[in-house]
Amino acid sequence: MLASEIIKRPIITEKSMLLVEKENKYTFSVDKRANKVQIANAIEELFKVKVVKVNTMNVTPKKKRVGQHQGFKPQMTKAIVTLAEGSKIEIFSA
């Protein structure tokens, strides 16, 4: 897989931004088939930074309802990437 196929999008929430500020950890939505080594290599290739550690978790689909129609939010895999000291990703600082 290509690096752009592995990393789908950054996750920008209040909690993820606190992780960026305090612990230099960045959160991404990634492809379900990718392993930790592939995720680390994709982050290093796309953003030119040094990755120290990758934690992944499978987010289960949640039930949603709009009026009488109901369904589920999509299932996804979330990766929390710890960068080396002094490294940072610019898209999170904007």
N, C-alpha and C. Protein backbone atom coordinates (compact mmCIF):
# COMPACT_ATOMS: atom_id res chain seq x y z
N MET A 1 0.83 -1.19 0.00
CA MET A 1 0.00 0.00 0.00
C MET A 1 0.87 1.25 0.00
N LEU A 2 0.35 2.29 -0.61
CA LEU A 2 1.05 3.58 -0.62
C LEU A 2 0.80 4.30 0.70
N ALA A 3 1.69 5.22 1.02
CA ALA A 3 1.58 5.97 2.27
C ALA A 3 0.30 6.79 2.31
N SER A 4 -0.10 7.33 1.16
CA SER A 4 -1.33 8.14 1.12
C SER A 4 -2.58 7.28 1.26
N GLU A 5 -2.48 5.98 0.98
CA GLU A 5 -3.61 5.08 1.17
C GLU A 5 -3.72 4.63 2.62
N ILE A 6 -2.61 4.56 3.32
CA ILE A 6 -2.61 4.10 4.71
C ILE A 6 -3.18 5.18 5.63
N ILE A 7 -2.70 6.42 5.49
CA ILE A 7 -3.15 7.52 6.34
C ILE A 7 -4.34 8.18 5.65
N LYS A 8 -5.52 8.07 6.26
CA LYS A 8 -6.73 8.63 5.64
C LYS A 8 -6.90 10.10 5.98
N ARG A 9 -6.87 10.45 7.27
CA ARG A 9 -7.08 11.84 7.66
C ARG A 9 -6.62 12.03 9.10
N PRO A 10 -6.27 13.26 9.48
CA PRO A 10 -5.96 13.52 10.89
C PRO A 10 -7.26 13.64 11.68
N ILE A 11 -7.20 13.30 12.95
CA ILE A 11 -8.33 13.46 13.85
C ILE A 11 -8.02 14.65 14.74
N ILE A 12 -8.82 15.71 14.60
CA ILE A 12 -8.58 16.94 15.35
C ILE A 12 -9.75 17.17 16.29
N THR A 13 -9.54 16.84 17.55
CA THR A 13 -10.53 17.06 18.60
C THR A 13 -9.82 17.75 19.76
N GLU A 14 -10.58 18.11 20.78
CA GLU A 14 -9.96 18.75 21.94
C GLU A 14 -8.96 17.82 22.61
N LYS A 15 -9.34 16.55 22.75
CA LYS A 15 -8.47 15.59 23.41
C LYS A 15 -7.19 15.34 22.60
N SER A 16 -7.33 15.22 21.29
CA SER A 16 -6.13 14.98 20.47
C SER A 16 -5.21 16.18 20.44
N MET A 17 -5.77 17.39 20.51
CA MET A 17 -4.92 18.58 20.53
C MET A 17 -4.19 18.72 21.86
N LEU A 18 -4.79 18.27 22.96
CA LEU A 18 -4.08 18.25 24.25
C LEU A 18 -2.91 17.28 24.19
N LEU A 19 -3.09 16.13 23.53
CA LEU A 19 -1.99 15.17 23.37
C LEU A 19 -0.85 15.77 22.55
N VAL A 20 -1.19 16.56 21.54
CA VAL A 20 -0.17 17.21 20.72
C VAL A 20 0.64 18.18 21.56
N GLU A 21 -0.03 18.99 22.35
CA GLU A 21 0.65 20.02 23.14
C GLU A 21 1.50 19.44 24.27
N LYS A 22 0.95 18.46 24.98
CA LYS A 22 1.63 17.96 26.18
C LYS A 22 2.61 16.83 25.91
N GLU A 23 2.27 15.91 25.01
CA GLU A 23 3.08 14.69 24.87
C GLU A 23 3.62 14.45 23.47
N ASN A 24 3.40 15.39 22.53
CA ASN A 24 3.88 15.26 21.16
C ASN A 24 3.34 13.99 20.48
N LYS A 25 2.02 13.73 20.70
CA LYS A 25 1.33 12.59 20.10
C LYS A 25 0.29 13.09 19.13
N TYR A 26 0.25 12.50 17.94
CA TYR A 26 -0.65 12.92 16.88
C TYR A 26 -1.60 11.77 16.55
N THR A 27 -2.87 12.09 16.26
CA THR A 27 -3.91 11.10 16.05
C THR A 27 -4.35 11.11 14.59
N PHE A 28 -4.44 9.92 13.98
CA PHE A 28 -4.84 9.78 12.59
C PHE A 28 -5.85 8.65 12.44
N SER A 29 -6.72 8.78 11.45
CA SER A 29 -7.57 7.69 11.02
C SER A 29 -6.79 6.96 9.93
N VAL A 30 -6.64 5.63 10.08
CA VAL A 30 -5.81 4.87 9.16
C VAL A 30 -6.59 3.71 8.56
N ASP A 31 -6.02 3.10 7.54
CA ASP A 31 -6.63 1.95 6.88
C ASP A 31 -6.68 0.77 7.85
N LYS A 32 -7.76 0.00 7.81
CA LYS A 32 -7.93 -1.12 8.75
C LYS A 32 -6.90 -2.23 8.53
N ARG A 33 -6.40 -2.36 7.30
CA ARG A 33 -5.47 -3.45 6.99
C ARG A 33 -4.02 -3.14 7.34
N ALA A 34 -3.71 -1.89 7.68
CA ALA A 34 -2.32 -1.48 7.93
C ALA A 34 -1.88 -1.89 9.33
N ASN A 35 -0.61 -2.32 9.44
CA ASN A 35 -0.05 -2.64 10.76
C ASN A 35 0.78 -1.45 11.26
N LYS A 36 1.32 -1.58 12.48
CA LYS A 36 2.02 -0.47 13.11
C LYS A 36 3.28 -0.05 12.35
N VAL A 37 3.99 -1.00 11.79
CA VAL A 37 5.21 -0.69 11.05
C VAL A 37 4.88 0.10 9.79
N GLN A 38 3.82 -0.31 9.08
CA GLN A 38 3.41 0.40 7.88
C GLN A 38 2.94 1.82 8.21
N ILE A 39 2.23 1.98 9.32
CA ILE A 39 1.76 3.30 9.74
C ILE A 39 2.94 4.21 10.06
N ALA A 40 3.92 3.68 10.80
CA ALA A 40 5.11 4.48 11.15
C ALA A 40 5.87 4.90 9.90
N ASN A 41 6.05 3.98 8.96
CA ASN A 41 6.77 4.31 7.72
C ASN A 41 6.01 5.34 6.89
N ALA A 42 4.68 5.25 6.86
CA ALA A 42 3.87 6.20 6.10
C ALA A 42 3.95 7.60 6.70
N ILE A 43 3.90 7.71 8.03
CA ILE A 43 4.01 9.01 8.68
C ILE A 43 5.38 9.62 8.42
N GLU A 44 6.44 8.81 8.53
CA GLU A 44 7.79 9.32 8.27
C GLU A 44 7.95 9.78 6.83
N GLU A 45 7.35 9.05 5.90
CA GLU A 45 7.46 9.40 4.49
C GLU A 45 6.66 10.65 4.14
N LEU A 46 5.44 10.76 4.66
CA LEU A 46 4.57 11.88 4.30
C LEU A 46 5.00 13.20 4.96
N PHE A 47 5.40 13.15 6.23
CA PHE A 47 5.64 14.37 6.99
C PHE A 47 7.10 14.63 7.32
N LYS A 48 8.01 13.72 6.93
CA LYS A 48 9.46 13.89 7.15
C LYS A 48 9.79 14.11 8.62
N VAL A 49 9.27 13.23 9.49
CA VAL A 49 9.51 13.28 10.93
C VAL A 49 9.98 11.91 11.40
N LYS A 50 10.46 11.82 12.63
CA LYS A 50 10.92 10.57 13.22
C LYS A 50 9.86 10.05 14.18
N VAL A 51 9.34 8.84 13.91
CA VAL A 51 8.31 8.22 14.74
C VAL A 51 8.98 7.32 15.78
N VAL A 52 8.56 7.48 17.05
CA VAL A 52 9.10 6.68 18.14
C VAL A 52 8.19 5.49 18.43
N LYS A 53 6.86 5.74 18.43
CA LYS A 53 5.92 4.72 18.88
C LYS A 53 4.58 4.90 18.17
N VAL A 54 3.88 3.78 17.92
CA VAL A 54 2.55 3.82 17.32
C VAL A 54 1.61 2.96 18.15
N ASN A 55 0.49 3.54 18.57
CA ASN A 55 -0.58 2.80 19.25
C ASN A 55 -1.80 2.81 18.34
N THR A 56 -2.44 1.65 18.17
CA THR A 56 -3.63 1.56 17.33
C THR A 56 -4.81 1.05 18.12
N MET A 57 -6.00 1.44 17.69
CA MET A 57 -7.22 0.93 18.30
C MET A 57 -8.32 0.86 17.26
N ASN A 58 -9.15 -0.18 17.38
CA ASN A 58 -10.30 -0.33 16.50
C ASN A 58 -11.50 0.35 17.15
N VAL A 59 -12.07 1.32 16.46
CA VAL A 59 -13.22 2.04 16.98
C VAL A 59 -14.47 1.35 16.45
N THR A 60 -15.32 0.87 17.37
CA THR A 60 -16.51 0.14 16.96
C THR A 60 -17.56 1.11 16.43
N PRO A 61 -18.41 0.64 15.50
CA PRO A 61 -19.45 1.52 14.97
C PRO A 61 -20.50 1.84 16.03
N LYS A 62 -20.94 3.09 16.05
CA LYS A 62 -21.95 3.52 17.01
C LYS A 62 -23.28 3.69 16.31
N LYS A 63 -24.35 3.36 17.00
CA LYS A 63 -25.69 3.47 16.45
C LYS A 63 -26.12 4.94 16.40
N LYS A 64 -26.61 5.37 15.27
CA LYS A 64 -27.11 6.73 15.09
C LYS A 64 -28.53 6.68 14.56
N ARG A 65 -29.31 7.69 14.93
CA ARG A 65 -30.70 7.73 14.51
C ARG A 65 -31.06 9.16 14.14
N VAL A 66 -31.72 9.32 12.99
CA VAL A 66 -32.23 10.61 12.54
C VAL A 66 -33.71 10.39 12.22
N GLY A 67 -34.57 10.90 13.10
CA GLY A 67 -36.01 10.67 12.92
C GLY A 67 -36.30 9.19 13.06
N GLN A 68 -37.00 8.64 12.06
CA GLN A 68 -37.31 7.21 12.12
C GLN A 68 -36.27 6.34 11.41
N HIS A 69 -35.26 6.97 10.81
CA HIS A 69 -34.20 6.23 10.12
C HIS A 69 -33.05 5.99 11.07
N GLN A 70 -32.55 4.78 11.09
CA GLN A 70 -31.42 4.49 11.95
C GLN A 70 -30.36 3.72 11.19
N GLY A 71 -29.14 3.84 11.67
CA GLY A 71 -28.01 3.18 11.03
C GLY A 71 -26.81 3.24 11.96
N PHE A 72 -25.62 3.02 11.40
CA PHE A 72 -24.40 2.99 12.20
C PHE A 72 -23.37 3.93 11.59
N LYS A 73 -22.55 4.52 12.45
CA LYS A 73 -21.38 5.26 11.98
C LYS A 73 -20.37 4.22 11.50
N PRO A 74 -19.49 4.58 10.58
CA PRO A 74 -18.56 3.59 10.06
C PRO A 74 -17.51 3.15 11.08
N GLN A 75 -17.07 1.90 10.95
CA GLN A 75 -15.99 1.38 11.79
C GLN A 75 -14.68 1.93 11.24
N MET A 76 -13.72 2.25 12.14
CA MET A 76 -12.44 2.77 11.69
C MET A 76 -11.34 2.33 12.64
N THR A 77 -10.11 2.46 12.18
CA THR A 77 -8.94 2.22 13.02
C THR A 77 -8.26 3.55 13.26
N LYS A 78 -7.98 3.81 14.53
CA LYS A 78 -7.36 5.07 14.93
C LYS A 78 -5.93 4.77 15.39
N ALA A 79 -4.99 5.61 14.96
CA ALA A 79 -3.58 5.44 15.35
C ALA A 79 -3.11 6.70 16.07
N ILE A 80 -2.49 6.49 17.23
CA ILE A 80 -1.87 7.59 17.98
C ILE A 80 -0.36 7.42 17.82
N VAL A 81 0.27 8.40 17.17
CA VAL A 81 1.68 8.32 16.79
C VAL A 81 2.48 9.25 17.69
N THR A 82 3.49 8.71 18.38
CA THR A 82 4.40 9.51 19.20
C THR A 82 5.63 9.85 18.38
N LEU A 83 5.95 11.13 18.30
CA LEU A 83 7.10 11.58 17.53
C LEU A 83 8.29 11.81 18.44
N ALA A 84 9.49 11.79 17.85
CA ALA A 84 10.71 12.06 18.59
C ALA A 84 10.71 13.50 19.07
N GLU A 85 11.45 13.77 20.13
CA GLU A 85 11.51 15.11 20.69
C GLU A 85 12.11 16.06 19.65
N GLY A 86 11.47 17.19 19.47
CA GLY A 86 11.91 18.17 18.48
C GLY A 86 11.20 18.05 17.15
N SER A 87 10.53 16.94 16.89
CA SER A 87 9.77 16.77 15.66
C SER A 87 8.34 17.25 15.87
N LYS A 88 7.75 17.82 14.81
CA LYS A 88 6.34 18.18 14.87
C LYS A 88 5.77 18.21 13.47
N ILE A 89 4.44 18.10 13.39
CA ILE A 89 3.73 18.09 12.12
C ILE A 89 2.99 19.42 12.02
N GLU A 90 3.18 20.12 10.92
CA GLU A 90 2.68 21.49 10.78
C GLU A 90 1.17 21.58 10.61
N ILE A 91 0.51 20.54 10.06
CA ILE A 91 -0.93 20.66 9.83
C ILE A 91 -1.73 20.76 11.11
N PHE A 92 -1.17 20.30 12.22
CA PHE A 92 -1.87 20.37 13.50
C PHE A 92 -1.72 21.73 14.17
N SER A 93 -0.76 22.52 13.76
CA SER A 93 -0.51 23.81 14.42
C SER A 93 -1.33 24.94 13.81
N ALA A 94 -1.99 24.71 12.68
CA ALA A 94 -2.76 25.78 12.01
C ALA A 94 -4.09 26.01 12.68
